[in-house]
C-alpha atoms as a PDB file:
ATOM      1  CA  UNK A   1       7.224  -3.884 -14.894  1.00  0.00           C
ATOM      2  CA  UNK A   2       7.090  -3.173 -11.135  1.00  0.00           C
ATOM      3  CA  UNK A   3       8.648   0.007  -9.813  1.00  0.00           C
ATOM      4  CA  UNK A   4      12.001  -0.359  -8.042  1.00  0.00           C
ATOM      5  CA  UNK A   5      11.755  -0.202  -4.285  1.00  0.00           C
ATOM      6  CA  UNK A   6      12.987   2.868  -2.445  1.00  0.00           C
ATOM      7  CA  UNK A   7      14.508   2.373   0.992  1.00  0.00           C
ATOM      8  CA  UNK A   8      13.460   5.183   3.314  1.00  0.00           C
ATOM      9  CA  UNK A   9      15.466   5.639   6.522  1.00  0.00           C
ATOM     10  CA  UNK A  10      13.206   6.839   9.331  1.00  0.00           C
ATOM     11  CA  UNK A  11      14.400   9.272  11.972  1.00  0.00           C
ATOM     12  CA  UNK A  12      10.903   9.574  13.399  1.00  0.00           C
ATOM     13  CA  UNK A  13      10.668   9.337  17.178  1.00  0.00           C
ATOM     14  CA  UNK A  14       6.950   9.764  17.837  1.00  0.00           C
ATOM     15  CA  UNK A  15       5.199   6.371  17.867  1.00  0.00           C
ATOM     16  CA  UNK A  16       2.035   7.775  16.262  1.00  0.00           C
ATOM     17  CA  UNK A  17       4.027   9.309  13.405  1.00  0.00           C
ATOM     18  CA  UNK A  18       5.883   6.043  12.845  1.00  0.00           C
ATOM     19  CA  UNK A  19       2.632   4.055  12.690  1.00  0.00           C
ATOM     20  CA  UNK A  20       0.903   6.569  10.425  1.00  0.00           C
ATOM     21  CA  UNK A  21       3.876   6.820   8.053  1.00  0.00           C
ATOM     22  CA  UNK A  22       4.137   3.045   7.779  1.00  0.00           C
ATOM     23  CA  UNK A  23       0.425   2.891   6.987  1.00  0.00           C
ATOM     24  CA  UNK A  24       0.599   5.421   4.156  1.00  0.00           C
ATOM     25  CA  UNK A  25       3.731   3.855   2.650  1.00  0.00           C
ATOM     26  CA  UNK A  26       2.291   0.346   2.754  1.00  0.00           C
ATOM     27  CA  UNK A  27       1.556  -1.132  -0.654  1.00  0.00           C
ATOM     28  CA  UNK A  28       3.814   1.259  -2.548  1.00  0.00           C
ATOM     29  CA  UNK A  29       7.365   0.856  -3.862  1.00  0.00           C
ATOM     30  CA  UNK A  30       8.828   1.844  -0.502  1.00  0.00           C
ATOM     31  CA  UNK A  31      10.577   0.060   2.320  1.00  0.00           C
ATOM     32  CA  UNK A  32      10.673   1.921   5.625  1.00  0.00           C
ATOM     33  CA  UNK A  33      13.745   1.197   7.731  1.00  0.00           C
ATOM     34  CA  UNK A  34      13.561   2.481  11.312  1.00  0.00           C
ATOM     35  CA  UNK A  35      16.893   3.685  12.647  1.00  0.00           C
ATOM     36  CA  UNK A  36      17.406   2.855  16.350  1.00  0.00           C
ATOM     37  CA  UNK A  37      16.239   5.680  18.589  1.00  0.00           C
ATOM     38  CA  UNK A  38      19.264   5.333  20.858  1.00  0.00           C
ATOM     39  CA  UNK A  39      21.815   5.281  18.026  1.00  0.00           C
ATOM     40  CA  UNK A  40      23.815   8.210  16.716  1.00  0.00           C
ATOM     41  CA  UNK A  41      21.901   9.157  13.513  1.00  0.00           C
ATOM     42  CA  UNK A  42      25.097  10.087  11.684  1.00  0.00           C
ATOM     43  CA  UNK A  43      26.769   6.754  12.429  1.00  0.00           C
ATOM     44  CA  UNK A  44      23.544   4.859  11.660  1.00  0.00           C
ATOM     45  CA  UNK A  45      23.272   6.494   8.241  1.00  0.00           C
ATOM     46  CA  UNK A  46      26.977   6.004   7.585  1.00  0.00           C
ATOM     47  CA  UNK A  47      26.609   2.263   8.223  1.00  0.00           C
ATOM     48  CA  UNK A  48      23.782   2.118   5.668  1.00  0.00           C
ATOM     49  CA  UNK A  49      25.295   4.533   3.167  1.00  0.00           C
ATOM     50  CA  UNK A  50      24.848   2.268   0.133  1.00  0.00           C
ATOM     51  CA  UNK A  51      21.360   1.057   1.036  1.00  0.00           C
ATOM     52  CA  UNK A  52      19.424   4.232   1.855  1.00  0.00           C
ATOM     53  CA  UNK A  53      17.698   6.259  -0.843  1.00  0.00           C
ATOM     54  CA  UNK A  54      15.851   8.921   1.156  1.00  0.00           C
ATOM     55  CA  UNK A  55      15.270  10.162   4.686  1.00  0.00           C
ATOM     56  CA  UNK A  56      12.076  10.612   6.695  1.00  0.00           C
ATOM     57  CA  UNK A  57      12.897  13.116   9.400  1.00  0.00           C
ATOM     58  CA  UNK A  58      10.926  14.365  12.376  1.00  0.00           C
ATOM     59  CA  UNK A  59      11.272  18.095  12.859  1.00  0.00           C
ATOM     60  CA  UNK A  60      13.858  18.952  15.497  1.00  0.00           C
ATOM     61  CA  UNK A  61      15.486  15.511  15.548  1.00  0.00           C
ATOM     62  CA  UNK A  62      18.832  16.607  14.128  1.00  0.00           C
ATOM     63  CA  UNK A  63      20.827  19.321  15.831  1.00  0.00           C
ATOM     64  CA  UNK A  64      23.317  21.597  14.120  1.00  0.00           C
ATOM     65  CA  UNK A  65      26.357  19.355  14.901  1.00  0.00           C
ATOM     66  CA  UNK A  66      24.629  16.320  13.372  1.00  0.00           C
ATOM     67  CA  UNK A  67      23.677  18.268  10.232  1.00  0.00           C
ATOM     68  CA  UNK A  68      27.253  19.538   9.904  1.00  0.00           C
ATOM     69  CA  UNK A  69      28.568  15.978  10.280  1.00  0.00           C
ATOM     70  CA  UNK A  70      26.187  14.699   7.590  1.00  0.00           C
ATOM     71  CA  UNK A  71      27.365  17.477   5.284  1.00  0.00           C
ATOM     72  CA  UNK A  72      31.006  16.708   5.985  1.00  0.00           C
ATOM     73  CA  UNK A  73      30.548  12.999   5.250  1.00  0.00           C
ATOM     74  CA  UNK A  74      28.544  13.528   2.074  1.00  0.00           C
ATOM     75  CA  UNK A  75      25.429  11.960   3.634  1.00  0.00           C
ATOM     76  CA  UNK A  76      22.847  14.503   2.561  1.00  0.00           C
ATOM     77  CA  UNK A  77      19.860  12.577   1.204  1.00  0.00           C
ATOM     78  CA  UNK A  78      16.488  13.417  -0.328  1.00  0.00           C
ATOM     79  CA  UNK A  79      14.458  14.271   2.769  1.00  0.00           C
ATOM     80  CA  UNK A  80      10.855  14.689   3.884  1.00  0.00           C
ATOM     81  CA  UNK A  81      10.546  16.603   7.151  1.00  0.00           C
ATOM     82  CA  UNK A  82       7.462  15.852   9.249  1.00  0.00           C
ATOM     83  CA  UNK A  83       6.452  18.772  11.424  1.00  0.00           C
ATOM     84  CA  UNK A  84       4.661  22.086  11.590  1.00  0.00           C
ATOM     85  CA  UNK A  85       5.176  24.457   8.671  1.00  0.00           C
ATOM     86  CA  UNK A  86       7.499  27.039  10.177  1.00  0.00           C
ATOM     87  CA  UNK A  87       9.866  28.108   7.423  1.00  0.00           C
ATOM     88  CA  UNK A  88      12.756  26.430   9.200  1.00  0.00           C
ATOM     89  CA  UNK A  89      15.273  24.413   7.164  1.00  0.00           C
ATOM     90  CA  UNK A  90      16.224  21.181   8.934  1.00  0.00           C
ATOM     91  CA  UNK A  91      18.784  19.549   6.639  1.00  0.00           C
ATOM     92  CA  UNK A  92      19.158  21.167   3.225  1.00  0.00           C
ATOM     93  CA  UNK A  93      17.271  23.391   0.820  1.00  0.00           C
ATOM     94  CA  UNK A  94      15.816  20.556  -1.264  1.00  0.00           C
ATOM     95  CA  UNK A  95      13.930  18.995   1.640  1.00  0.00           C
ATOM     96  CA  UNK A  96      10.128  18.749   1.480  1.00  0.00           C
ATOM     97  CA  UNK A  97       8.015  19.651   4.512  1.00  0.00           C
ATOM     98  CA  UNK A  98       4.799  17.901   5.502  1.00  0.00           C
ATOM     99  CA  UNK A  99       2.695  18.596   8.618  1.00  0.00           C
ATOM    100  CA  UNK A 100       1.611  15.592  10.711  1.00  0.00           C
ATOM    101  CA  UNK A 101      -2.066  16.108   9.823  1.00  0.00           C
ATOM    102  CA  UNK A 102      -1.304  15.784   6.103  1.00  0.00           C
ATOM    103  CA  UNK A 103       0.462  12.411   5.959  1.00  0.00           C
ATOM    104  CA  UNK A 104      -1.981  11.306   3.258  1.00  0.00           C
ATOM    105  CA  UNK A 105       0.446  13.119   0.935  1.00  0.00           C
ATOM    106  CA  UNK A 106       3.539  11.255   2.144  1.00  0.00           C
ATOM    107  CA  UNK A 107       4.198   9.164  -0.982  1.00  0.00           C
ATOM    108  CA  UNK A 108       3.850  12.254  -3.189  1.00  0.00           C
ATOM    109  CA  UNK A 109       6.212  14.174  -0.908  1.00  0.00           C
ATOM    110  CA  UNK A 110       8.832  11.425  -1.159  1.00  0.00           C
ATOM    111  CA  UNK A 111       8.593  11.507  -4.954  1.00  0.00           C
ATOM    112  CA  UNK A 112       8.963  15.288  -4.862  1.00  0.00           C
ATOM    113  CA  UNK A 113      11.951  15.128  -2.508  1.00  0.00           C
ATOM    114  CA  UNK A 114      13.802  12.676  -4.761  1.00  0.00           C
ATOM    115  CA  UNK A 115      12.950  14.608  -7.922  1.00  0.00           C
ATOM    116  CA  UNK A 116      14.050  17.933  -6.418  1.00  0.00           C
ATOM    117  CA  UNK A 117      17.281  16.414  -5.162  1.00  0.00           C
ATOM    118  CA  UNK A 118      18.113  14.944  -8.560  1.00  0.00           C
ATOM    119  CA  UNK A 119      17.002  17.858 -10.679  1.00  0.00           C
ATOM    120  CA  UNK A 120      19.423  20.163  -8.919  1.00  0.00           C
ATOM    121  CA  UNK A 121      22.238  17.646  -8.867  1.00  0.00           C
ATOM    122  CA  UNK A 122      24.026  16.168  -5.912  1.00  0.00           C
ATOM    123  CA  UNK A 123      24.898  18.700  -3.216  1.00  0.00           C
ATOM    124  CA  UNK A 124      28.027  20.728  -3.669  1.00  0.00           C
ATOM    125  CA  UNK A 125      28.525  22.496  -0.391  1.00  0.00           C
ATOM    126  CA  UNK A 126      31.779  24.284  -0.949  1.00  0.00           C
ATOM    127  CA  UNK A 127      31.405  27.967  -0.306  1.00  0.00           C
ATOM    128  CA  UNK A 128      27.799  27.589   0.732  1.00  0.00           C
ATOM    129  CA  UNK A 129      26.463  27.471  -2.822  1.00  0.00           C
ATOM    130  CA  UNK A 130      25.325  24.835  -5.282  1.00  0.00           C
ATOM    131  CA  UNK A 131      23.057  23.070  -2.857  1.00  0.00           C
ATOM    132  CA  UNK A 132      20.947  20.142  -3.968  1.00  0.00           C
ATOM    133  CA  UNK A 133      18.173  22.635  -4.445  1.00  0.00           C
ATOM    134  CA  UNK A 134      16.410  25.534  -2.852  1.00  0.00           C
ATOM    135  CA  UNK A 135      13.098  25.482  -1.160  1.00  0.00           C
ATOM    136  CA  UNK A 136      11.695  27.385  -4.074  1.00  0.00           C
ATOM    137  CA  UNK A 137      13.691  25.935  -6.927  1.00  0.00           C
ATOM    138  CA  UNK A 138      11.150  23.410  -8.133  1.00  0.00           C
ATOM    139  CA  UNK A 139       9.045  26.344  -9.029  1.00  0.00           C
ATOM    140  CA  UNK A 140      11.637  27.730 -11.366  1.00  0.00           C
ATOM    141  CA  UNK A 141      11.794  31.348 -12.424  1.00  0.00           C
ATOM    142  CA  UNK A 142       8.260  31.949 -11.248  1.00  0.00           C
ATOM    143  CA  UNK A 143       9.186  31.091  -7.721  1.00  0.00           C
ATOM    144  CA  UNK A 144      10.809  33.446  -5.383  1.00  0.00           C
ATOM    145  CA  UNK A 145       8.027  32.685  -2.969  1.00  0.00           C
ATOM    146  CA  UNK A 146       4.964  34.566  -1.797  1.00  0.00           C
ATOM    147  CA  UNK A 147       5.142  38.334  -2.051  1.00  0.00           C
ATOM    148  CA  UNK A 148       8.116  38.240  -4.355  1.00  0.00           C
ATOM    149  CA  UNK A 149      10.731  36.451  -2.315  1.00  0.00           C
ATOM    150  CA  UNK A 150      13.304  37.661   0.119  1.00  0.00           C
ATOM    151  CA  UNK A 151      13.067  34.402   1.996  1.00  0.00           C
ATOM    152  CA  UNK A 152      15.942  32.094   2.737  1.00  0.00           C
ATOM    153  CA  UNK A 153      14.540  29.620   0.254  1.00  0.00           C
ATOM    154  CA  UNK A 154      14.833  32.092  -2.596  1.00  0.00           C
ATOM    155  CA  UNK A 155      18.442  32.830  -1.680  1.00  0.00           C
ATOM    156  CA  UNK A 156      19.241  29.123  -1.771  1.00  0.00           C
ATOM    157  CA  UNK A 157      17.511  28.797  -5.127  1.00  0.00           C
ATOM    158  CA  UNK A 158      19.784  31.485  -6.508  1.00  0.00           C
ATOM    159  CA  UNK A 159      22.832  29.636  -5.226  1.00  0.00           C
ATOM    160  CA  UNK A 160      23.690  32.467  -2.843  1.00  0.00           C
ATOM    161  CA  UNK A 161      23.273  30.667   0.463  1.00  0.00           C
ATOM    162  CA  UNK A 162      22.762  27.232   1.886  1.00  0.00           C
ATOM    163  CA  UNK A 163      20.990  25.851   4.916  1.00  0.00           C
ATOM    164  CA  UNK A 164      23.410  25.348   7.718  1.00  0.00           C
ATOM    165  CA  UNK A 165      25.799  28.080   6.552  1.00  0.00           C
ATOM    166  CA  UNK A 166      29.104  27.796   4.771  1.00  0.00           C
ATOM    167  CA  UNK A 167      30.477  24.327   4.435  1.00  0.00           C
ATOM    168  CA  UNK A 168      34.027  25.086   5.490  1.00  0.00           C
ATOM    169  CA  UNK A 169      32.918  25.988   9.002  1.00  0.00           C
ATOM    170  CA  UNK A 170      30.290  23.244   9.132  1.00  0.00           C
ATOM    171  CA  UNK A 171      32.618  20.476   8.070  1.00  0.00           C
ATOM    172  CA  UNK A 172      35.107  21.273  10.773  1.00  0.00           C
ATOM    173  CA  UNK A 173      32.424  21.497  13.442  1.00  0.00           C
ATOM    174  CA  UNK A 174      30.908  18.291  12.074  1.00  0.00           C
ATOM    175  CA  UNK A 175      33.655  16.259  13.423  1.00  0.00           C
ATOM    176  CA  UNK A 176      36.825  15.388  11.778  1.00  0.00           C
ATOM    177  CA  UNK A 177      36.361  15.694   8.041  1.00  0.00           C
ATOM    178  CA  UNK A 178      39.773  15.936   6.428  1.00  0.00           C
ATOM    179  CA  UNK A 179      40.530  19.221   4.717  1.00  0.00           C
ATOM    180  CA  UNK A 180      42.054  19.652   1.310  1.00  0.00           C
ATOM    181  CA  UNK A 181      41.460  18.635  -2.310  1.00  0.00           C
ATOM    182  CA  UNK A 182      41.472  14.891  -1.565  1.00  0.00           C
ATOM    183  CA  UNK A 183      38.669  15.183   0.997  1.00  0.00           C
ATOM    184  CA  UNK A 184      36.652  17.344  -1.389  1.00  0.00           C
ATOM    185  CA  UNK A 185      37.130  14.822  -4.181  1.00  0.00           C
ATOM    186  CA  UNK A 186      36.047  11.910  -1.986  1.00  0.00           C
ATOM    187  CA  UNK A 187      32.962  13.788  -0.820  1.00  0.00           C
ATOM    188  CA  UNK A 188      32.020  14.723  -4.378  1.00  0.00           C
ATOM    189  CA  UNK A 189      32.416  11.094  -5.449  1.00  0.00           C
ATOM    190  CA  UNK A 190      30.018   9.911  -2.745  1.00  0.00           C
ATOM    191  CA  UNK A 191      27.406  12.505  -3.730  1.00  0.00           C
ATOM    192  CA  UNK A 192      27.754  11.545  -7.383  1.00  0.00           C
ATOM    193  CA  UNK A 193      27.314   7.878  -6.485  1.00  0.00           C
ATOM    194  CA  UNK A 194      24.025   8.480  -4.648  1.00  0.00           C
ATOM    195  CA  UNK A 195      22.544  10.693  -7.352  1.00  0.00           C
ATOM    196  CA  UNK A 196      23.446   8.301 -10.154  1.00  0.00           C
ATOM    197  CA  UNK A 197      22.219   5.268  -8.220  1.00  0.00           C
ATOM    198  CA  UNK A 198      18.835   6.935  -7.831  1.00  0.00           C
ATOM    199  CA  UNK A 199      18.739   7.941 -11.489  1.00  0.00           C
ATOM    200  CA  UNK A 200      19.603   4.448 -12.664  1.00  0.00           C
ATOM    201  CA  UNK A 201      16.993   2.778 -10.469  1.00  0.00           C
ATOM    202  CA  UNK A 202      14.158   5.230 -10.872  1.00  0.00           C
ATOM    203  CA  UNK A 203      14.644   6.556 -14.350  1.00  0.00           C
ATOM    204  CA  UNK A 204      14.799  10.210 -13.303  1.00  0.00           C
ATOM    205  CA  UNK A 205      16.809  12.234 -15.778  1.00  0.00           C
ATOM    206  CA  UNK A 206      17.421  15.071 -13.385  1.00  0.00           C
ATOM    207  CA  UNK A 207      15.798  17.823 -15.453  1.00  0.00           C
ATOM    208  CA  UNK A 208      12.205  16.674 -15.484  1.00  0.00           C
ATOM    209  CA  UNK A 209       9.919  14.704 -13.253  1.00  0.00           C
ATOM    210  CA  UNK A 210       8.625  11.171 -13.355  1.00  0.00           C
ATOM    211  CA  UNK A 211       5.087  10.501 -12.086  1.00  0.00           C
ATOM    212  CA  UNK A 212       3.274   7.287 -11.245  1.00  0.00           C
ATOM    213  CA  UNK A 213      -0.139   7.247 -13.004  1.00  0.00           C
ATOM    214  CA  UNK A 214      -1.426   4.671 -10.512  1.00  0.00           C
ATOM    215  CA  UNK A 215      -1.370   7.403  -7.866  1.00  0.00           C
ATOM    216  CA  UNK A 216      -3.161  10.031  -9.932  1.00  0.00           C
ATOM    217  CA  UNK A 217      -6.225  11.373  -8.142  1.00  0.00           C
ATOM    218  CA  UNK A 218      -8.601  10.019 -10.779  1.00  0.00           C
ATOM    219  CA  UNK A 219      -7.219   6.483 -10.335  1.00  0.00           C
ATOM    220  CA  UNK A 220      -7.617   6.362  -6.553  1.00  0.00           C
ATOM    221  CA  UNK A 221     -10.487   4.674  -4.788  1.00  0.00           C
ATOM    222  CA  UNK A 222     -13.310   6.870  -3.507  1.00  0.00           C
ATOM    223  CA  UNK A 223     -12.106   6.872   0.110  1.00  0.00           C
ATOM    224  CA  UNK A 224      -8.469   7.511  -0.785  1.00  0.00           C
ATOM    225  CA  UNK A 225      -9.514  10.279  -3.142  1.00  0.00           C
ATOM    226  CA  UNK A 226     -11.557  12.064  -0.466  1.00  0.00           C
ATOM    227  CA  UNK A 227      -8.763  11.697   2.097  1.00  0.00           C
ATOM    228  CA  UNK A 228      -6.226  13.181  -0.304  1.00  0.00           C
ATOM    229  CA  UNK A 229      -8.482  16.108  -1.193  1.00  0.00           C
ATOM    230  CA  UNK A 230      -9.141  16.806   2.496  1.00  0.00           C
ATOM    231  CA  UNK A 231      -5.400  16.736   3.168  1.00  0.00           C
ATOM    232  CA  UNK A 232      -4.725  19.106   0.265  1.00  0.00           C
ATOM    233  CA  UNK A 233      -7.388  21.447   1.628  1.00  0.00           C
ATOM    234  CA  UNK A 234      -5.559  21.557   4.969  1.00  0.00           C
ATOM    235  CA  UNK A 235      -2.298  22.315   3.161  1.00  0.00           C
ATOM    236  CA  UNK A 236      -3.921  25.132   1.194  1.00  0.00           C
ATOM    237  CA  UNK A 237      -5.418  26.475   4.433  1.00  0.00           C
ATOM    238  CA  UNK A 238      -1.908  26.652   5.906  1.00  0.00           C
ATOM    239  CA  UNK A 239      -0.783  28.531   2.798  1.00  0.00           C
ATOM    240  CA  UNK A 240      -3.551  31.125   3.085  1.00  0.00           C
ATOM    241  CA  UNK A 241      -3.093  31.649   6.814  1.00  0.00           C
ATOM    242  CA  UNK A 242       0.616  32.399   6.459  1.00  0.00           C
ATOM    243  CA  UNK A 243       0.698  33.927   2.979  1.00  0.00           C
ATOM    244  CA  UNK A 244       1.022  37.583   3.988  1.00  0.00           C
ATOM    245  CA  UNK A 245       2.353  37.325   7.528  1.00  0.00           C
ATOM    246  CA  UNK A 246       5.042  34.606   7.272  1.00  0.00           C
ATOM    247  CA  UNK A 247       6.544  34.207   3.782  1.00  0.00           C
ATOM    248  CA  UNK A 248       8.946  31.427   4.801  1.00  0.00           C
ATOM    249  CA  UNK A 249       6.150  29.253   6.204  1.00  0.00           C
ATOM    250  CA  UNK A 250       3.964  30.098   3.222  1.00  0.00           C
ATOM    251  CA  UNK A 251       6.765  28.944   0.906  1.00  0.00           C
ATOM    252  CA  UNK A 252       6.836  25.538   2.557  1.00  0.00           C
ATOM    253  CA  UNK A 253       3.043  25.176   2.468  1.00  0.00           C
ATOM    254  CA  UNK A 254       3.032  26.274  -1.168  1.00  0.00           C
ATOM    255  CA  UNK A 255       5.700  23.717  -2.075  1.00  0.00           C
ATOM    256  CA  UNK A 256       3.847  20.952  -0.272  1.00  0.00           C
ATOM    257  CA  UNK A 257       0.595  21.732  -2.066  1.00  0.00           C
ATOM    258  CA  UNK A 258       2.166  22.158  -5.496  1.00  0.00           C
ATOM    259  CA  UNK A 259       4.248  18.982  -5.180  1.00  0.00           C
ATOM    260  CA  UNK A 260       1.243  16.842  -4.294  1.00  0.00           C
ATOM    261  CA  UNK A 261      -0.976  18.549  -6.867  1.00  0.00           C
ATOM    262  CA  UNK A 262       1.580  17.807  -9.569  1.00  0.00           C
ATOM    263  CA  UNK A 263       2.378  14.217  -8.635  1.00  0.00           C
ATOM    264  CA  UNK A 264      -1.316  13.372  -8.103  1.00  0.00           C
ATOM    265  CA  UNK A 265      -2.308  15.107 -11.367  1.00  0.00           C
ATOM    266  CA  UNK A 266      -4.812  17.280  -9.517  1.00  0.00           C
ATOM    267  CA  UNK A 267      -7.099  19.041 -12.022  1.00  0.00           C
ATOM    268  CA  UNK A 268      -6.758  22.831 -12.072  1.00  0.00           C
ATOM    269  CA  UNK A 269     -10.497  23.126 -11.529  1.00  0.00           C
ATOM    270  CA  UNK A 270     -10.010  21.321  -8.212  1.00  0.00           C
ATOM    271  CA  UNK A 271      -7.335  23.828  -7.214  1.00  0.00           C
ATOM    272  CA  UNK A 272      -9.721  26.706  -7.890  1.00  0.00           C
ATOM    273  CA  UNK A 273     -12.498  24.891  -6.039  1.00  0.00           C
ATOM    274  CA  UNK A 274     -10.319  24.377  -2.955  1.00  0.00           C
ATOM    275  CA  UNK A 275      -9.360  28.064  -2.995  1.00  0.00           C
ATOM    276  CA  UNK A 276     -12.919  29.334  -3.395  1.00  0.00           C
ATOM    277  CA  UNK A 277     -14.321  27.019  -0.721  1.00  0.00           C
ATOM    278  CA  UNK A 278     -11.741  28.148   1.831  1.00  0.00           C
ATOM    279  CA  UNK A 279     -12.177  31.835   1.014  1.00  0.00           C
ATOM    280  CA  UNK A 280     -15.952  31.420   1.314  1.00  0.00           C
ATOM    281  CA  UNK A 281     -15.512  29.689   4.675  1.00  0.00           C
ATOM    282  CA  UNK A 282     -13.205  32.440   5.946  1.00  0.00           C
ATOM    283  CA  UNK A 283     -15.632  35.119   4.732  1.00  0.00           C
ATOM    284  CA  UNK A 284     -18.587  33.607   6.563  1.00  0.00           C
ATOM    285  CA  UNK A 285     -16.549  33.271   9.764  1.00  0.00           C
ATOM    286  CA  UNK A 286     -15.492  36.915   9.578  1.00  0.00           C
ATOM    287  CA  UNK A 287     -19.090  38.022   9.042  1.00  0.00           C
ATOM    288  CA  UNK A 288     -20.224  36.034  12.061  1.00  0.00           C
ATOM    289  CA  UNK A 289     -17.567  37.767  14.136  1.00  0.00           C
ATOM    290  CA  UNK A 290     -18.569  41.201  12.824  1.00  0.00           C
ATOM    291  CA  UNK A 291     -15.459  41.848  10.756  1.00  0.00           C
ATOM    292  CA  UNK A 292     -15.101  43.089   7.201  1.00  0.00           C
ATOM    293  CA  UNK A 293     -13.998  40.538   4.627  1.00  0.00           C
ATOM    294  CA  UNK A 294     -13.152  42.738   1.635  1.00  0.00           C
ATOM    295  CA  UNK A 295      -9.447  42.039   2.103  1.00  0.00           C
ATOM    296  CA  UNK A 296      -9.988  38.368   1.227  1.00  0.00           C
ATOM    297  CA  UNK A 297      -9.872  39.401  -2.432  1.00  0.00           C
ATOM    298  CA  UNK A 298      -6.133  39.940  -1.979  1.00  0.00           C
ATOM    299  CA  UNK A 299      -5.715  36.195  -1.504  1.00  0.00           C
ATOM    300  CA  UNK A 300      -6.256  35.757  -5.203  1.00  0.00           C
ATOM    301  CA  UNK A 301      -2.507  36.351  -5.303  1.00  0.00           C
ATOM    302  CA  UNK A 302      -2.028  33.040  -3.516  1.00  0.00           C
ATOM    303  CA  UNK A 303      -4.055  31.251  -6.183  1.00  0.00           C
ATOM    304  CA  UNK A 304      -2.032  32.931  -8.929  1.00  0.00           C
ATOM    305  CA  UNK A 305       1.134  31.904  -7.126  1.00  0.00           C
ATOM    306  CA  UNK A 306       0.026  28.271  -7.022  1.00  0.00           C
ATOM    307  CA  UNK A 307      -0.941  28.356 -10.700  1.00  0.00           C
ATOM    308  CA  UNK A 308       2.412  29.860 -11.680  1.00  0.00           C
ATOM    309  CA  UNK A 309       4.359  27.214  -9.813  1.00  0.00           C
ATOM    310  CA  UNK A 310       2.251  24.385 -11.193  1.00  0.00           C
ATOM    311  CA  UNK A 311       2.771  25.722 -14.711  1.00  0.00           C
ATOM    312  CA  UNK A 312       6.513  25.772 -14.104  1.00  0.00           C
ATOM    313  CA  UNK A 313       6.510  22.181 -12.863  1.00  0.00           C
ATOM    314  CA  UNK A 314       4.522  21.008 -15.875  1.00  0.00           C
ATOM    315  CA  UNK A 315       6.863  22.929 -18.159  1.00  0.00           C
ATOM    316  CA  UNK A 316       9.856  21.200 -16.587  1.00  0.00           C
ATOM    317  CA  UNK A 317       8.139  17.816 -16.871  1.00  0.00           C
ATOM    318  CA  UNK A 318       8.389  17.936 -20.668  1.00  0.00           C
ATOM    319  CA  UNK A 319      11.470  16.030 -21.884  1.00  0.00           C
ATOM    320  CA  UNK A 320      13.911  18.200 -23.821  1.00  0.00           C
ATOM    321  CA  UNK A 321      13.766  18.121 -27.597  1.00  0.00           C
ATOM    322  CA  UNK A 322      16.540  16.164 -29.316  1.00  0.00           C
ATOM    323  CA  UNK A 323      19.260  18.371 -30.782  1.00  0.00           C
ATOM    324  CA  UNK A 324      18.758  19.361 -34.371  1.00  0.00           C
ATOM    325  CA  UNK A 325      21.194  17.865 -36.856  1.00  0.00           C
ATOM    326  CA  UNK A 326      23.460  20.376 -38.485  1.00  0.00           C
ATOM    327  CA  UNK A 327      22.650  21.131 -42.097  1.00  0.00           C
ATOM    328  CA  UNK A 328      24.705  22.913 -44.703  1.00  0.00           C
ATOM    329  CA  UNK A 329      23.081  25.789 -46.578  1.00  0.00           C
ATOM    330  CA  UNK A 330      23.839  25.903 -50.298  1.00  0.00           C
ATOM    331  CA  UNK A 331      22.762  28.582 -52.781  1.00  0.00           C
ATOM    332  CA  UNK A 332      20.054  27.577 -55.286  1.00  0.00           C
ATOM    333  CA  UNK A 333      18.994  29.653 -58.252  1.00  0.00           C
ATOM    334  CA  UNK A 334      15.244  29.828 -58.877  1.00  0.00           C
ATOM    335  CA  UNK A 335      14.076  31.956 -61.826  1.00  0.00           C
ATOM    336  CA  UNK A 336      17.162  34.075 -61.619  1.00  0.00           C
ATOM    337  CA  UNK A 337      16.833  34.668 -57.871  1.00  0.00           C
ATOM    338  CA  UNK A 338      19.355  33.149 -55.511  1.00  0.00           C
ATOM    339  CA  UNK A 339      18.103  31.571 -52.311  1.00  0.00           C
ATOM    340  CA  UNK A 340      19.504  29.179 -49.699  1.00  0.00           C
ATOM    341  CA  UNK A 341      18.639  25.519 -49.446  1.00  0.00           C
ATOM    342  CA  UNK A 342      19.512  23.355 -46.420  1.00  0.00           C
ATOM    343  CA  UNK A 343      20.911  19.927 -47.196  1.00  0.00           C
ATOM    344  CA  UNK A 344      22.241  17.262 -44.851  1.00  0.00           C
END
């Protein structure tokens, strides 16, 4: 049975990004719909409310007023943000970030964005909490980010803050959303409609992830496999370079790597190999420049972080056990001793 097609609205403006994204989405269960560059993105998405499943967004395209308007109208969508890993949140905490030189991972990032959005439920923006997800939430309890958290992503994951600030201020600035219980109810209904439409079409159950075996690393052609591994190596490089000096950027690189590793079924031995090869390369470069490289051992923490988050994603991918049927315990006498026996 063929997979249902996802309609991806594109807010990309760079012609090279548009061409590259279309290339990597070609042949999969995706339909890329380019929104007019001269149109108001909020109005364009509003006109296609019932036909758009996810958003492909170029970093910096949406300003704060546009984000507030999307929040106010209940138009937050699963989103992949194309741009440099900077730690910045563009739309909401469940968005997935992907640098332009790693577009080989685009289909996996879209899957991750939809799964994250659904697992954490449709966005509830009232009071700034209950977002569709936090930048670290896919990683579960293991994931407060590199160096133990403190980043904005971790706060979102705990339901303490949301990208874009409190909704009450954002909705008003976003242009004309009616206040009061009726407006809140209408907004909640729209969010519920999107989440359930995605669940019905894709089979996501919201608490665990669905993967496409056809896109597992071992099932790819030789060229596609090498391109994906090279792209993952660049993502892991970004993680290492920012791990100790920029936790927010490291969080986004970590999420990008873990998402693709999970959805491509990357073997753990490959993860270790990527780590060791990069550390070896960094060590040789430092030696050539006359610097010590003993501190590179500390980057084992990054590998442990990746392993912990992958373990959490695999744990969450296991469907929940069915509830046990209630049984009534009745006393039974065996050789004069009384014990309990469970009977339906």
